[in-house]
């Protein structure tokens, strides 16, 4: 088995507030990034989007959510 490197975990603050919206966005995100593990935590005050994988592009994630009218910014 080839060494693939460490998985990155990126955490984003969003303005997604409804579970139904998060579910729809999750489908879109997984269609665009099928190799990533993605989930929302809407109970958190920052309405967290958590993404784990080998090739996470913050810019692409932010741009994709933006096209659907949502704000998203990486937390550091």
PDB file of N, CA and C in Angstrom:
ATOM      1  N   UNK A   1       0.842  -1.193   0.000  1.00  0.00           N
ATOM      2  CA  UNK A   1       0.000   0.000   0.000  1.00  0.00           C
ATOM      3  C   UNK A   1       0.878   1.244   0.000  1.00  0.00           C
ATOM      4  N   UNK A   2       0.589   2.155  -0.879  1.00  0.00           N
ATOM      5  CA  UNK A   2       1.374   3.381  -1.000  1.00  0.00           C
ATOM      6  C   UNK A   2       1.044   4.332   0.149  1.00  0.00           C
ATOM      7  N   UNK A   3       2.016   5.077   0.554  1.00  0.00           N
ATOM      8  CA  UNK A   3       1.823   6.074   1.603  1.00  0.00           C
ATOM      9  C   UNK A   3       1.109   7.282   1.020  1.00  0.00           C
ATOM     10  N   UNK A   4      -0.015   7.636   1.609  1.00  0.00           N
ATOM     11  CA  UNK A   4      -0.811   8.739   1.077  1.00  0.00           C
ATOM     12  C   UNK A   4      -0.651  10.032   1.865  1.00  0.00           C
ATOM     13  N   UNK A   5       0.134  10.015   2.897  1.00  0.00           N
ATOM     14  CA  UNK A   5       0.293  11.219   3.702  1.00  0.00           C
ATOM     15  C   UNK A   5      -0.803  11.331   4.753  1.00  0.00           C
ATOM     16  N   UNK A   6      -0.681  12.343   5.566  1.00  0.00           N
ATOM     17  CA  UNK A   6      -1.641  12.547   6.639  1.00  0.00           C
ATOM     18  C   UNK A   6      -2.911  13.205   6.126  1.00  0.00           C
ATOM     19  N   UNK A   7      -4.004  12.815   6.724  1.00  0.00           N
ATOM     20  CA  UNK A   7      -5.264  13.482   6.410  1.00  0.00           C
ATOM     21  C   UNK A   7      -5.261  14.854   7.050  1.00  0.00           C
ATOM     22  N   UNK A   8      -5.830  15.800   6.349  1.00  0.00           N
ATOM     23  CA  UNK A   8      -6.011  17.142   6.892  1.00  0.00           C
ATOM     24  C   UNK A   8      -7.424  17.261   7.420  1.00  0.00           C
ATOM     25  N   UNK A   9      -7.577  18.022   8.460  1.00  0.00           N
ATOM     26  CA  UNK A   9      -8.899  18.337   8.986  1.00  0.00           C
ATOM     27  C   UNK A   9      -9.056  19.845   8.908  1.00  0.00           C
ATOM     28  N   UNK A  10     -10.079  20.276   8.213  1.00  0.00           N
ATOM     29  CA  UNK A  10     -10.379  21.700   8.096  1.00  0.00           C
ATOM     30  C   UNK A  10     -11.733  21.958   8.742  1.00  0.00           C
ATOM     31  N   UNK A  11     -11.812  23.061   9.468  1.00  0.00           N
ATOM     32  CA  UNK A  11     -13.043  23.426  10.157  1.00  0.00           C
ATOM     33  C   UNK A  11     -13.452  24.817   9.686  1.00  0.00           C
ATOM     34  N   UNK A  12     -14.720  24.939   9.313  1.00  0.00           N
ATOM     35  CA  UNK A  12     -15.238  26.186   8.773  1.00  0.00           C
ATOM     36  C   UNK A  12     -16.408  26.680   9.606  1.00  0.00           C
ATOM     37  N   UNK A  13     -16.496  27.998   9.746  1.00  0.00           N
ATOM     38  CA  UNK A  13     -17.650  28.650  10.345  1.00  0.00           C
ATOM     39  C   UNK A  13     -18.608  28.951   9.196  1.00  0.00           C
ATOM     40  N   UNK A  14     -19.898  28.621   9.367  1.00  0.00           N
ATOM     41  CA  UNK A  14     -20.876  28.867   8.310  1.00  0.00           C
ATOM     42  C   UNK A  14     -22.085  29.605   8.874  1.00  0.00           C
ATOM     43  N   UNK A  15     -22.963  30.009   7.968  1.00  0.00           N
ATOM     44  CA  UNK A  15     -24.247  30.580   8.394  1.00  0.00           C
ATOM     45  C   UNK A  15     -25.397  29.641   8.050  1.00  0.00           C
ATOM     46  N   UNK A  16     -25.106  28.359   7.874  1.00  0.00           N
ATOM     47  CA  UNK A  16     -26.129  27.343   7.630  1.00  0.00           C
ATOM     48  C   UNK A  16     -26.854  27.109   8.955  1.00  0.00           C
ATOM     49  N   UNK A  17     -28.170  27.303   8.957  1.00  0.00           N
ATOM     50  CA  UNK A  17     -28.884  27.183  10.228  1.00  0.00           C
ATOM     51  C   UNK A  17     -29.903  26.048  10.260  1.00  0.00           C
ATOM     52  N   UNK A  18     -30.355  25.601   9.101  1.00  0.00           N
ATOM     53  CA  UNK A  18     -31.388  24.571   9.044  1.00  0.00           C
ATOM     54  C   UNK A  18     -30.801  23.216   8.678  1.00  0.00           C
ATOM     55  N   UNK A  19     -31.269  22.181   9.359  1.00  0.00           N
ATOM     56  CA  UNK A  19     -30.791  20.816   9.101  1.00  0.00           C
ATOM     57  C   UNK A  19     -31.033  20.406   7.653  1.00  0.00           C
ATOM     58  N   UNK A  20     -32.168  20.791   7.105  1.00  0.00           N
ATOM     59  CA  UNK A  20     -32.500  20.453   5.720  1.00  0.00           C
ATOM     60  C   UNK A  20     -31.486  21.084   4.754  1.00  0.00           C
ATOM     61  N   UNK A  21     -31.100  22.327   5.009  1.00  0.00           N
ATOM     62  CA  UNK A  21     -30.098  22.991   4.167  1.00  0.00           C
ATOM     63  C   UNK A  21     -28.743  22.291   4.291  1.00  0.00           C
ATOM     64  N   UNK A  22     -28.390  21.923   5.502  1.00  0.00           N
ATOM     65  CA  UNK A  22     -27.115  21.225   5.717  1.00  0.00           C
ATOM     66  C   UNK A  22     -27.110  19.893   4.970  1.00  0.00           C
ATOM     67  N   UNK A  23     -28.230  19.178   5.007  1.00  0.00           N
ATOM     68  CA  UNK A  23     -28.319  17.898   4.296  1.00  0.00           C
ATOM     69  C   UNK A  23     -28.158  18.084   2.791  1.00  0.00           C
ATOM     70  N   UNK A  24     -28.792  19.111   2.238  1.00  0.00           N
ATOM     71  CA  UNK A  24     -28.679  19.383   0.803  1.00  0.00           C
ATOM     72  C   UNK A  24     -27.252  19.776   0.432  1.00  0.00           C
ATOM     73  N   UNK A  25     -26.636  20.603   1.249  1.00  0.00           N
ATOM     74  CA  UNK A  25     -25.250  21.004   0.993  1.00  0.00           C
ATOM     75  C   UNK A  25     -24.303  19.820   1.112  1.00  0.00           C
ATOM     76  N   UNK A  26     -24.572  18.939   2.039  1.00  0.00           N
ATOM     77  CA  UNK A  26     -23.750  17.744   2.220  1.00  0.00           C
ATOM     78  C   UNK A  26     -23.756  16.898   0.947  1.00  0.00           C
ATOM     79  N   UNK A  27     -24.920  16.744   0.331  1.00  0.00           N
ATOM     80  CA  UNK A  27     -25.022  15.994  -0.929  1.00  0.00           C
ATOM     81  C   UNK A  27     -24.166  16.658  -2.007  1.00  0.00           C
ATOM     82  N   UNK A  28     -24.278  17.971  -2.131  1.00  0.00           N
ATOM     83  CA  UNK A  28     -23.518  18.703  -3.142  1.00  0.00           C
ATOM     84  C   UNK A  28     -22.015  18.590  -2.875  1.00  0.00           C
ATOM     85  N   UNK A  29     -21.622  18.765  -1.626  1.00  0.00           N
ATOM     86  CA  UNK A  29     -20.206  18.681  -1.275  1.00  0.00           C
ATOM     87  C   UNK A  29     -19.643  17.300  -1.577  1.00  0.00           C
ATOM     88  N   UNK A  30     -20.388  16.264  -1.231  1.00  0.00           N
ATOM     89  CA  UNK A  30     -19.906  14.897  -1.474  1.00  0.00           C
ATOM     90  C   UNK A  30     -19.882  14.552  -2.963  1.00  0.00           C
ATOM     91  N   UNK A  31     -20.761  15.153  -3.753  1.00  0.00           N
ATOM     92  CA  UNK A  31     -20.719  14.958  -5.201  1.00  0.00           C
ATOM     93  C   UNK A  31     -19.453  15.584  -5.786  1.00  0.00           C
ATOM     94  N   UNK A  32     -19.071  16.730  -5.252  1.00  0.00           N
ATOM     95  CA  UNK A  32     -17.900  17.444  -5.747  1.00  0.00           C
ATOM     96  C   UNK A  32     -16.596  16.937  -5.140  1.00  0.00           C
ATOM     97  N   UNK A  33     -16.670  16.403  -3.918  1.00  0.00           N
ATOM     98  CA  UNK A  33     -15.479  15.950  -3.201  1.00  0.00           C
ATOM     99  C   UNK A  33     -15.753  14.572  -2.591  1.00  0.00           C
ATOM    100  N   UNK A  34     -15.898  13.537  -3.420  1.00  0.00           N
ATOM    101  CA  UNK A  34     -16.332  12.227  -2.925  1.00  0.00           C
ATOM    102  C   UNK A  34     -15.342  11.531  -1.991  1.00  0.00           C
ATOM    103  N   UNK A  35     -14.099  11.932  -1.995  1.00  0.00           N
ATOM    104  CA  UNK A  35     -13.097  11.257  -1.152  1.00  0.00           C
ATOM    105  C   UNK A  35     -12.941  11.904   0.225  1.00  0.00           C
ATOM    106  N   UNK A  36     -13.723  12.932   0.493  1.00  0.00           N
ATOM    107  CA  UNK A  36     -13.611  13.625   1.766  1.00  0.00           C
ATOM    108  C   UNK A  36     -14.700  13.175   2.729  1.00  0.00           C
ATOM    109  N   UNK A  37     -14.388  13.252   4.014  1.00  0.00           N
ATOM    110  CA  UNK A  37     -15.380  13.011   5.062  1.00  0.00           C
ATOM    111  C   UNK A  37     -15.895  14.379   5.487  1.00  0.00           C
ATOM    112  N   UNK A  38     -17.208  14.574   5.388  1.00  0.00           N
ATOM    113  CA  UNK A  38     -17.789  15.901   5.587  1.00  0.00           C
ATOM    114  C   UNK A  38     -18.980  15.801   6.522  1.00  0.00           C
ATOM    115  N   UNK A  39     -19.068  16.740   7.478  1.00  0.00           N
ATOM    116  CA  UNK A  39     -20.257  16.807   8.320  1.00  0.00           C
ATOM    117  C   UNK A  39     -20.456  18.221   8.851  1.00  0.00           C
ATOM    118  N   UNK A  40     -21.686  18.504   9.227  1.00  0.00           N
ATOM    119  CA  UNK A  40     -22.056  19.783   9.831  1.00  0.00           C
ATOM    120  C   UNK A  40     -22.359  19.570  11.303  1.00  0.00           C
ATOM    121  N   UNK A  41     -22.058  20.579  12.118  1.00  0.00           N
ATOM    122  CA  UNK A  41     -22.474  20.621  13.518  1.00  0.00           C
ATOM    123  C   UNK A  41     -23.220  21.933  13.715  1.00  0.00           C
ATOM    124  N   UNK A  42     -24.533  21.878  13.513  1.00  0.00           N
ATOM    125  CA  UNK A  42     -25.346  23.090  13.620  1.00  0.00           C
ATOM    126  C   UNK A  42     -25.651  23.464  15.061  1.00  0.00           C
ATOM    127  N   UNK A  43     -25.343  22.567  15.999  1.00  0.00           N
ATOM    128  CA  UNK A  43     -25.540  22.866  17.422  1.00  0.00           C
ATOM    129  C   UNK A  43     -24.468  23.832  17.931  1.00  0.00           C
ATOM    130  N   UNK A  44     -23.321  23.830  17.281  1.00  0.00           N
ATOM    131  CA  UNK A  44     -22.229  24.728  17.652  1.00  0.00           C
ATOM    132  C   UNK A  44     -22.609  26.162  17.279  1.00  0.00           C
ATOM    133  N   UNK A  45     -22.188  27.118  18.082  1.00  0.00           N
ATOM    134  CA  UNK A  45     -22.540  28.515  17.815  1.00  0.00           C
ATOM    135  C   UNK A  45     -21.991  29.008  16.473  1.00  0.00           C
ATOM    136  N   UNK A  46     -20.933  28.380  15.961  1.00  0.00           N
ATOM    137  CA  UNK A  46     -20.352  28.762  14.672  1.00  0.00           C
ATOM    138  C   UNK A  46     -20.906  27.945  13.508  1.00  0.00           C
ATOM    139  N   UNK A  47     -21.867  27.067  13.791  1.00  0.00           N
ATOM    140  CA  UNK A  47     -22.483  26.216  12.756  1.00  0.00           C
ATOM    141  C   UNK A  47     -21.398  25.577  11.880  1.00  0.00           C
ATOM    142  N   UNK A  48     -20.644  24.736  12.508  1.00  0.00           N
ATOM    143  CA  UNK A  48     -19.398  24.168  11.978  1.00  0.00           C
ATOM    144  C   UNK A  48     -19.618  23.241  10.789  1.00  0.00           C
ATOM    145  N   UNK A  49     -18.762  23.406   9.791  1.00  0.00           N
ATOM    146  CA  UNK A  49     -18.599  22.448   8.707  1.00  0.00           C
ATOM    147  C   UNK A  49     -17.212  21.855   8.893  1.00  0.00           C
ATOM    148  N   UNK A  50     -17.143  20.528   9.062  1.00  0.00           N
ATOM    149  CA  UNK A  50     -15.865  19.842   9.306  1.00  0.00           C
ATOM    150  C   UNK A  50     -15.578  18.933   8.121  1.00  0.00           C
ATOM    151  N   UNK A  51     -14.368  19.068   7.587  1.00  0.00           N
ATOM    152  CA  UNK A  51     -13.975  18.286   6.419  1.00  0.00           C
ATOM    153  C   UNK A  51     -12.634  17.625   6.695  1.00  0.00           C
ATOM    154  N   UNK A  52     -12.570  16.320   6.406  1.00  0.00           N
ATOM    155  CA  UNK A  52     -11.347  15.562   6.626  1.00  0.00           C
ATOM    156  C   UNK A  52     -10.995  14.815   5.352  1.00  0.00           C
ATOM    157  N   UNK A  53      -9.714  14.886   4.979  1.00  0.00           N
ATOM    158  CA  UNK A  53      -9.259  14.166   3.795  1.00  0.00           C
ATOM    159  C   UNK A  53      -7.857  14.569   3.400  1.00  0.00           C
ATOM    160  N   UNK A  54      -7.415  13.991   2.290  1.00  0.00           N
ATOM    161  CA  UNK A  54      -6.044  14.225   1.845  1.00  0.00           C
ATOM    162  C   UNK A  54      -5.902  15.464   0.970  1.00  0.00           C
ATOM    163  N   UNK A  55      -6.945  15.862   0.295  1.00  0.00           N
ATOM    164  CA  UNK A  55      -6.845  16.982  -0.646  1.00  0.00           C
ATOM    165  C   UNK A  55      -7.975  17.970  -0.406  1.00  0.00           C
ATOM    166  N   UNK A  56      -7.884  18.676   0.704  1.00  0.00           N
ATOM    167  CA  UNK A  56      -8.907  19.653   1.047  1.00  0.00           C
ATOM    168  C   UNK A  56      -8.479  21.014   0.522  1.00  0.00           C
ATOM    169  N   UNK A  57      -9.325  21.632  -0.289  1.00  0.00           N
ATOM    170  CA  UNK A  57      -9.060  22.977  -0.793  1.00  0.00           C
ATOM    171  C   UNK A  57     -10.046  23.940  -0.148  1.00  0.00           C
ATOM    172  N   UNK A  58      -9.558  24.733   0.793  1.00  0.00           N
ATOM    173  CA  UNK A  58     -10.428  25.693   1.477  1.00  0.00           C
ATOM    174  C   UNK A  58     -11.127  26.612   0.491  1.00  0.00           C
ATOM    175  N   UNK A  59     -10.382  27.070  -0.510  1.00  0.00           N
ATOM    176  CA  UNK A  59     -10.935  28.007  -1.477  1.00  0.00           C
ATOM    177  C   UNK A  59     -12.100  27.383  -2.253  1.00  0.00           C
ATOM    178  N   UNK A  60     -11.958  26.123  -2.643  1.00  0.00           N
ATOM    179  CA  UNK A  60     -13.026  25.459  -3.391  1.00  0.00           C
ATOM    180  C   UNK A  60     -14.262  25.230  -2.524  1.00  0.00           C
ATOM    181  N   UNK A  61     -14.056  24.879  -1.269  1.00  0.00           N
ATOM    182  CA  UNK A  61     -15.178  24.669  -0.352  1.00  0.00           C
ATOM    183  C   UNK A  61     -15.933  25.979  -0.144  1.00  0.00           C
ATOM    184  N   UNK A  62     -15.203  27.039   0.128  1.00  0.00           N
ATOM    185  CA  UNK A  62     -15.810  28.353   0.368  1.00  0.00           C
ATOM    186  C   UNK A  62     -16.552  28.824  -0.875  1.00  0.00           C
ATOM    187  N   UNK A  63     -15.942  28.664  -2.047  1.00  0.00           N
ATOM    188  CA  UNK A  63     -16.571  29.092  -3.300  1.00  0.00           C
ATOM    189  C   UNK A  63     -17.844  28.303  -3.576  1.00  0.00           C
ATOM    190  N   UNK A  64     -17.827  27.002  -3.320  1.00  0.00           N
ATOM    191  CA  UNK A  64     -18.998  26.163  -3.573  1.00  0.00           C
ATOM    192  C   UNK A  64     -20.164  26.576  -2.681  1.00  0.00           C
ATOM    193  N   UNK A  65     -19.920  26.763  -1.397  1.00  0.00           N
ATOM    194  CA  UNK A  65     -20.993  27.191  -0.502  1.00  0.00           C
ATOM    195  C   UNK A  65     -21.501  28.572  -0.894  1.00  0.00           C
ATOM    196  N   UNK A  66     -20.604  29.425  -1.331  1.00  0.00           N
ATOM    197  CA  UNK A  66     -20.974  30.773  -1.746  1.00  0.00           C
ATOM    198  C   UNK A  66     -21.930  30.751  -2.935  1.00  0.00           C
ATOM    199  N   UNK A  67     -21.727  29.817  -3.867  1.00  0.00           N
ATOM    200  CA  UNK A  67     -22.618  29.730  -5.025  1.00  0.00           C
ATOM    201  C   UNK A  67     -24.039  29.363  -4.616  1.00  0.00           C
ATOM    202  N   UNK A  68     -24.194  28.759  -3.450  1.00  0.00           N
ATOM    203  CA  UNK A  68     -25.518  28.412  -2.931  1.00  0.00           C
ATOM    204  C   UNK A  68     -26.034  29.461  -1.941  1.00  0.00           C
ATOM    205  N   UNK A  69     -25.305  30.574  -1.827  1.00  0.00           N
ATOM    206  CA  UNK A  69     -25.771  31.686  -1.000  1.00  0.00           C
ATOM    207  C   UNK A  69     -25.390  31.609   0.465  1.00  0.00           C
ATOM    208  N   UNK A  70     -24.426  30.757   0.804  1.00  0.00           N
ATOM    209  CA  UNK A  70     -24.017  30.619   2.212  1.00  0.00           C
ATOM    210  C   UNK A  70     -22.624  31.196   2.435  1.00  0.00           C
ATOM    211  N   UNK A  71     -22.446  31.723   3.619  1.00  0.00           N
ATOM    212  CA  UNK A  71     -21.138  32.225   4.017  1.00  0.00           C
ATOM    213  C   UNK A  71     -20.369  31.087   4.681  1.00  0.00           C
ATOM    214  N   UNK A  72     -19.070  31.080   4.441  1.00  0.00           N
ATOM    215  CA  UNK A  72     -18.212  30.023   4.966  1.00  0.00           C
ATOM    216  C   UNK A  72     -16.810  30.580   5.085  1.00  0.00           C
ATOM    217  N   UNK A  73     -16.212  30.419   6.244  1.00  0.00           N
ATOM    218  CA  UNK A  73     -14.826  30.869   6.423  1.00  0.00           C
ATOM    219  C   UNK A  73     -14.074  29.867   7.286  1.00  0.00           C
ATOM    220  N   UNK A  74     -12.815  29.663   6.934  1.00  0.00           N
ATOM    221  CA  UNK A  74     -11.988  28.705   7.661  1.00  0.00           C
ATOM    222  C   UNK A  74     -11.673  29.229   9.056  1.00  0.00           C
ATOM    223  N   UNK A  75     -11.779  28.347  10.038  1.00  0.00           N
ATOM    224  CA  UNK A  75     -11.386  28.699  11.408  1.00  0.00           C
ATOM    225  C   UNK A  75      -9.939  28.275  11.604  1.00  0.00           C
ATOM    226  N   UNK A  76      -9.203  29.103  12.300  1.00  0.00           N
ATOM    227  CA  UNK A  76      -7.789  28.784  12.572  1.00  0.00           C
ATOM    228  C   UNK A  76      -7.559  28.599  14.037  1.00  0.00           C
TER     229      UNK A  76
END
